[in-house]
């Protein structure tokens, strides 16, 4: 399957690297590589992630990588995995999903239209 990583995720990974670099350059490289490894593992096992518990829509899944939650959608029709969000699990997930709920819904509507 093809993997498409949203610009929001790419930007968030850059932010994770920049923040982590202040702690340790080695750690920053390690965590970013681990995040990308977790994402690209989806090519072989796209359904390995669990359903996102905060979402009633069971079309989104997530993988956990250290303290980060990676939210994605698998499209069998397009043979594509869409990586939509990554955020720190220390954030309030209900607040995060409330802010992004409309965008998640619109993304699926766009895919199926």
Foldseek 3Di string as FASTA:
>chain_A
DAEDEDPQAVVVLVVQLVVVVVVPNVVSVVQSVQVVVVRVVCLVPVPPFAQDVLDPDRQWGWDDRPQKIWIWGQDPPVRYIYTYDIDGNVDDVNVVCVVCVVVVVVVVVVVVD
